[in-house]
Amino acid sequence: MTFKFCPLCGSPMTPFMEDEFPREKCGKCGWIHYHNPRPTVSAIISRDEKILLCRRAAGPFAGKWDLPGGFMEEGESAEAGMRREMREELKVEIEIEKLIGVFGPSYYPFGGQDNYNIDIYYLVIPVGEPVAVDKSDVAEIGWFDPNNLPDMAFPSNVEAIKSWLKTSII
């Protein structure tokens, strides 16, 4: 995301490079926009040699499949974000079994801007039966063979699944 005008004082922003990274700086108040990736949390849920995937209801990549999860909120730990996202999208509480890994940066175009995420993946066990929550980011859920995935929204999902497969017995 780039800024043409400073979100603090409204003055024009000037693009510049710092440490080989693009930035914008306000000529009036000095505010600098750093293009930091945003953290996300996602879950691998496994049952009967299959994994749970969610069909995306909204952009970006609406209609493609994704591991359940989403953006962390300000002041939220990764584990708390994981629990909240599972309640919001699948209507389940979870037990976090282990951290699968941290992947990215992942490209996430949204609102006409090029954004990037850092994706944190956990193996989780749902307490109860996951369902696609109406009016969430999830259009539907399905169980898939992790070695034969449908059209996935994000390459980091595929990387996380491959990493999990290397260390698991399914």
C-alpha atoms as a PDB file:
ATOM      1  CA  MET A   1       0.000   0.000   0.000  1.00  0.00           C
ATOM      2  CA  THR A   2       1.271   3.446  -0.850  1.00  0.00           C
ATOM      3  CA  PHE A   3       0.067   6.789   0.457  1.00  0.00           C
ATOM      4  CA  LYS A   4      -0.283   9.872  -1.748  1.00  0.00           C
ATOM      5  CA  PHE A   5      -1.254  11.974   1.256  1.00  0.00           C
ATOM      6  CA  CYS A   6      -0.176  11.736   4.880  1.00  0.00           C
ATOM      7  CA  PRO A   7      -2.796  10.029   7.043  1.00  0.00           C
ATOM      8  CA  LEU A   8      -1.742  12.274   9.958  1.00  0.00           C
ATOM      9  CA  CYS A   9      -1.716  15.779   8.470  1.00  0.00           C
ATOM     10  CA  GLY A  10      -3.005  15.375   4.907  1.00  0.00           C
ATOM     11  CA  SER A  11       0.116  16.767   3.228  1.00  0.00           C
ATOM     12  CA  PRO A  12       1.570  15.143   0.091  1.00  0.00           C
ATOM     13  CA  MET A  13       3.806  12.129   0.578  1.00  0.00           C
ATOM     14  CA  THR A  14       7.136  11.787  -1.225  1.00  0.00           C
ATOM     15  CA  PRO A  15       8.352   8.325  -2.286  1.00  0.00           C
ATOM     16  CA  PHE A  16      11.927   7.380  -1.410  1.00  0.00           C
ATOM     17  CA  MET A  17      14.128   4.330  -0.911  1.00  0.00           C
ATOM     18  CA  GLU A  18      15.603   3.413   2.462  1.00  0.00           C
ATOM     19  CA  ASP A  19      17.727   0.306   3.000  1.00  0.00           C
ATOM     20  CA  GLU A  20      16.636  -0.835  -0.495  1.00  0.00           C
ATOM     21  CA  PHE A  21      12.927  -0.710   0.459  1.00  0.00           C
ATOM     22  CA  PRO A  22      10.263   1.659  -0.918  1.00  0.00           C
ATOM     23  CA  ARG A  23       8.745   4.095   1.535  1.00  0.00           C
ATOM     24  CA  GLU A  24       6.822   7.379   1.555  1.00  0.00           C
ATOM     25  CA  LYS A  25       7.572  10.361   3.773  1.00  0.00           C
ATOM     26  CA  CYS A  26       5.479  13.381   4.622  1.00  0.00           C
ATOM     27  CA  GLY A  27       7.311  16.628   3.835  1.00  0.00           C
ATOM     28  CA  LYS A  28       5.371  18.500   6.523  1.00  0.00           C
ATOM     29  CA  CYS A  29       5.232  16.317   9.656  1.00  0.00           C
ATOM     30  CA  GLY A  30       7.919  13.744   8.782  1.00  0.00           C
ATOM     31  CA  TRP A  31       5.700  10.653   9.145  1.00  0.00           C
ATOM     32  CA  ILE A  32       7.162   7.669   7.253  1.00  0.00           C
ATOM     33  CA  HIS A  33       5.055   4.865   5.866  1.00  0.00           C
ATOM     34  CA  TYR A  34       6.895   1.552   6.212  1.00  0.00           C
ATOM     35  CA  HIS A  35       5.493  -1.193   3.985  1.00  0.00           C
ATOM     36  CA  ASN A  36       5.278  -3.838   6.698  1.00  0.00           C
ATOM     37  CA  PRO A  37       3.616  -7.211   6.103  1.00  0.00           C
ATOM     38  CA  ARG A  38       0.536  -8.014   8.161  1.00  0.00           C
ATOM     39  CA  PRO A  39       0.388 -11.160  10.314  1.00  0.00           C
ATOM     40  CA  THR A  40      -2.186 -13.864   9.682  1.00  0.00           C
ATOM     41  CA  VAL A  41      -2.976 -17.124  11.475  1.00  0.00           C
ATOM     42  CA  SER A  42      -4.290 -20.275   9.804  1.00  0.00           C
ATOM     43  CA  ALA A  43      -5.138 -23.801  10.890  1.00  0.00           C
ATOM     44  CA  ILE A  44      -4.486 -27.253   9.580  1.00  0.00           C
ATOM     45  CA  ILE A  45      -7.308 -29.491  10.765  1.00  0.00           C
ATOM     46  CA  SER A  46      -6.905 -33.154   9.865  1.00  0.00           C
ATOM     47  CA  ARG A  47      -9.399 -36.023  10.023  1.00  0.00           C
ATOM     48  CA  ASP A  48      -9.479 -39.432   8.330  1.00  0.00           C
ATOM     49  CA  GLU A  49      -6.404 -38.631   6.197  1.00  0.00           C
ATOM     50  CA  LYS A  50      -8.011 -35.433   4.892  1.00  0.00           C
ATOM     51  CA  ILE A  51      -7.668 -31.755   5.743  1.00  0.00           C
ATOM     52  CA  LEU A  52     -10.348 -29.118   6.119  1.00  0.00           C
ATOM     53  CA  LEU A  53     -10.369 -26.317   3.550  1.00  0.00           C
ATOM     54  CA  CYS A  54     -12.631 -23.302   3.171  1.00  0.00           C
ATOM     55  CA  ARG A  55     -13.893 -21.859  -0.095  1.00  0.00           C
ATOM     56  CA  ARG A  56     -13.339 -18.090   0.027  1.00  0.00           C
ATOM     57  CA  ALA A  57     -16.564 -16.064  -0.021  1.00  0.00           C
ATOM     58  CA  ALA A  58     -14.859 -12.720  -0.667  1.00  0.00           C
ATOM     59  CA  GLY A  59     -11.817 -11.261  -2.374  1.00  0.00           C
ATOM     60  CA  PRO A  60      -9.097 -11.516  -2.905  1.00  0.00           C
ATOM     61  CA  PHE A  61      -9.306 -14.839  -4.723  1.00  0.00           C
ATOM     62  CA  ALA A  62     -13.017 -15.435  -4.028  1.00  0.00           C
ATOM     63  CA  GLY A  63     -14.037 -18.975  -4.957  1.00  0.00           C
ATOM     64  CA  LYS A  64     -10.593 -20.478  -4.390  1.00  0.00           C
ATOM     65  CA  TRP A  65      -9.822 -22.740  -1.449  1.00  0.00           C
ATOM     66  CA  ASP A  66      -7.906 -21.715   1.655  1.00  0.00           C
ATOM     67  CA  LEU A  67      -6.987 -23.039   5.070  1.00  0.00           C
ATOM     68  CA  PRO A  68      -9.254 -21.535   7.745  1.00  0.00           C
ATOM     69  CA  GLY A  69      -7.852 -18.420   9.392  1.00  0.00           C
ATOM     70  CA  GLY A  70      -7.419 -14.706   9.019  1.00  0.00           C
ATOM     71  CA  PHE A  71      -5.738 -11.531  10.152  1.00  0.00           C
ATOM     72  CA  MET A  72      -4.568 -11.014  13.703  1.00  0.00           C
ATOM     73  CA  GLU A  73      -6.035  -8.056  15.573  1.00  0.00           C
ATOM     74  CA  GLU A  74      -4.010  -5.342  17.273  1.00  0.00           C
ATOM     75  CA  GLY A  75      -2.729  -6.504  20.678  1.00  0.00           C
ATOM     76  CA  GLU A  76      -3.681 -10.135  19.992  1.00  0.00           C
ATOM     77  CA  SER A  77      -1.291 -13.073  20.328  1.00  0.00           C
ATOM     78  CA  ALA A  78      -1.075 -15.561  17.468  1.00  0.00           C
ATOM     79  CA  GLU A  79      -2.736 -18.220  19.613  1.00  0.00           C
ATOM     80  CA  ALA A  80      -5.595 -15.909  20.633  1.00  0.00           C
ATOM     81  CA  GLY A  81      -6.048 -14.891  16.994  1.00  0.00           C
ATOM     82  CA  MET A  82      -6.179 -18.543  15.972  1.00  0.00           C
ATOM     83  CA  ARG A  83      -8.888 -19.279  18.534  1.00  0.00           C
ATOM     84  CA  ARG A  84     -10.936 -16.218  17.528  1.00  0.00           C
ATOM     85  CA  GLU A  85     -10.702 -17.004  13.811  1.00  0.00           C
ATOM     86  CA  MET A  86     -11.862 -20.602  14.358  1.00  0.00           C
ATOM     87  CA  ARG A  87     -14.900 -19.339  16.314  1.00  0.00           C
ATOM     88  CA  GLU A  88     -15.670 -16.732  13.630  1.00  0.00           C
ATOM     89  CA  GLU A  89     -15.267 -18.974  10.585  1.00  0.00           C
ATOM     90  CA  LEU A  90     -16.011 -22.514  11.812  1.00  0.00           C
ATOM     91  CA  LYS A  91     -17.976 -22.032  15.060  1.00  0.00           C
ATOM     92  CA  VAL A  92     -15.580 -24.234  17.065  1.00  0.00           C
ATOM     93  CA  GLU A  93     -13.221 -23.923  19.970  1.00  0.00           C
ATOM     94  CA  ILE A  94      -9.827 -25.483  19.341  1.00  0.00           C
ATOM     95  CA  GLU A  95      -6.858 -27.078  21.017  1.00  0.00           C
ATOM     96  CA  ILE A  96      -3.599 -25.924  19.478  1.00  0.00           C
ATOM     97  CA  GLU A  97      -1.412 -28.984  18.975  1.00  0.00           C
ATOM     98  CA  LYS A  98       1.711 -27.392  17.480  1.00  0.00           C
ATOM     99  CA  LEU A  99       3.148 -24.622  15.369  1.00  0.00           C
ATOM    100  CA  ILE A 100       3.649 -25.817  11.782  1.00  0.00           C
ATOM    101  CA  GLY A 101       5.652 -22.795  10.692  1.00  0.00           C
ATOM    102  CA  VAL A 102       5.792 -19.191   9.575  1.00  0.00           C
ATOM    103  CA  PHE A 103       5.670 -18.546   5.827  1.00  0.00           C
ATOM    104  CA  GLY A 104       5.737 -15.577   3.510  1.00  0.00           C
ATOM    105  CA  PRO A 105       5.727 -12.911   2.518  1.00  0.00           C
ATOM    106  CA  SER A 106       2.447 -13.760   0.768  1.00  0.00           C
ATOM    107  CA  TYR A 107       0.962 -11.475  -1.844  1.00  0.00           C
ATOM    108  CA  TYR A 108      -2.491 -10.195  -0.839  1.00  0.00           C
ATOM    109  CA  PRO A 109      -3.951  -7.675  -3.311  1.00  0.00           C
ATOM    110  CA  PHE A 110      -6.845  -5.804  -1.747  1.00  0.00           C
ATOM    111  CA  GLY A 111      -8.539  -2.466  -2.235  1.00  0.00           C
ATOM    112  CA  GLY A 112      -6.445  -1.716  -5.302  1.00  0.00           C
ATOM    113  CA  GLN A 113      -3.264  -2.011  -3.243  1.00  0.00           C
ATOM    114  CA  ASP A 114      -0.397  -4.516  -3.246  1.00  0.00           C
ATOM    115  CA  ASN A 115      -0.174  -5.894   0.284  1.00  0.00           C
ATOM    116  CA  TYR A 116       1.885  -8.672   1.810  1.00  0.00           C
ATOM    117  CA  ASN A 117       1.259 -10.964   4.766  1.00  0.00           C
ATOM    118  CA  ILE A 118       3.355 -13.116   7.055  1.00  0.00           C
ATOM    119  CA  ASP A 119       1.392 -16.334   7.598  1.00  0.00           C
ATOM    120  CA  ILE A 120       1.548 -18.347  10.836  1.00  0.00           C
ATOM    121  CA  TYR A 121       0.224 -21.920  10.641  1.00  0.00           C
ATOM    122  CA  TYR A 122      -0.840 -24.211  13.481  1.00  0.00           C
ATOM    123  CA  LEU A 123      -2.035 -27.786  13.641  1.00  0.00           C
ATOM    124  CA  VAL A 124      -5.249 -27.599  15.660  1.00  0.00           C
ATOM    125  CA  ILE A 125      -7.872 -29.985  16.960  1.00  0.00           C
ATOM    126  CA  PRO A 126     -11.450 -28.698  16.837  1.00  0.00           C
ATOM    127  CA  VAL A 127     -13.702 -29.197  19.839  1.00  0.00           C
ATOM    128  CA  GLY A 128     -16.949 -29.968  18.050  1.00  0.00           C
ATOM    129  CA  GLU A 129     -17.827 -30.225  14.371  1.00  0.00           C
ATOM    130  CA  PRO A 130     -16.632 -27.357  12.140  1.00  0.00           C
ATOM    131  CA  VAL A 131     -19.300 -25.625  10.041  1.00  0.00           C
ATOM    132  CA  ALA A 132     -19.089 -22.707   7.615  1.00  0.00           C
ATOM    133  CA  VAL A 133     -20.423 -19.732   9.554  1.00  0.00           C
ATOM    134  CA  ASP A 134     -23.013 -17.730   7.634  1.00  0.00           C
ATOM    135  CA  LYS A 135     -21.870 -14.179   6.823  1.00  0.00           C
ATOM    136  CA  SER A 136     -18.200 -14.995   7.439  1.00  0.00           C
ATOM    137  CA  ASP A 137     -15.381 -15.117   4.883  1.00  0.00           C
ATOM    138  CA  VAL A 138     -16.207 -18.796   4.291  1.00  0.00           C
ATOM    139  CA  ALA A 139     -18.639 -19.811   1.521  1.00  0.00           C
ATOM    140  CA  GLU A 140     -18.338 -23.540   2.289  1.00  0.00           C
ATOM    141  CA  ILE A 141     -16.016 -26.085   3.849  1.00  0.00           C
ATOM    142  CA  GLY A 142     -14.768 -29.393   2.522  1.00  0.00           C
ATOM    143  CA  TRP A 143     -12.418 -32.218   3.407  1.00  0.00           C
ATOM    144  CA  PHE A 144      -9.611 -32.858   0.914  1.00  0.00           C
ATOM    145  CA  ASP A 145      -6.692 -35.212   0.346  1.00  0.00           C
ATOM    146  CA  PRO A 146      -3.643 -33.084   1.265  1.00  0.00           C
ATOM    147  CA  ASN A 147      -1.745 -34.648  -1.641  1.00  0.00           C
ATOM    148  CA  ASN A 148      -4.442 -33.657  -4.156  1.00  0.00           C
ATOM    149  CA  LEU A 149      -5.457 -30.084  -3.368  1.00  0.00           C
ATOM    150  CA  PRO A 150      -8.076 -28.025  -5.240  1.00  0.00           C
ATOM    151  CA  ASP A 151      -7.366 -24.534  -6.630  1.00  0.00           C
ATOM    152  CA  MET A 152      -5.718 -22.862  -3.617  1.00  0.00           C
ATOM    153  CA  ALA A 153      -5.806 -19.112  -2.946  1.00  0.00           C
ATOM    154  CA  PHE A 154      -2.346 -18.760  -1.417  1.00  0.00           C
ATOM    155  CA  PRO A 155       0.983 -20.516  -2.099  1.00  0.00           C
ATOM    156  CA  SER A 156       1.833 -20.303   1.615  1.00  0.00           C
ATOM    157  CA  ASN A 157      -1.124 -22.653   2.314  1.00  0.00           C
ATOM    158  CA  VAL A 158       0.447 -25.240   0.037  1.00  0.00           C
ATOM    159  CA  GLU A 159       3.885 -24.717   1.644  1.00  0.00           C
ATOM    160  CA  ALA A 160       2.415 -25.165   5.131  1.00  0.00           C
ATOM    161  CA  ILE A 161       0.539 -28.318   4.128  1.00  0.00           C
ATOM    162  CA  LYS A 162       3.720 -29.794   2.584  1.00  0.00           C
ATOM    163  CA  SER A 163       5.685 -28.926   5.731  1.00  0.00           C
ATOM    164  CA  TRP A 164       3.032 -30.567   7.904  1.00  0.00           C
ATOM    165  CA  LEU A 165       2.969 -33.691   5.701  1.00  0.00           C
ATOM    166  CA  LYS A 166       6.740 -34.132   6.162  1.00  0.00           C
ATOM    167  CA  THR A 167       6.332 -34.387   9.934  1.00  0.00           C
ATOM    168  CA  SER A 168       2.945 -36.109  10.338  1.00  0.00           C
ATOM    169  CA  ILE A 169       1.409 -39.510  10.158  1.00  0.00           C
ATOM    170  CA  ILE A 170      -2.037 -39.121   8.651  1.00  0.00           C
END
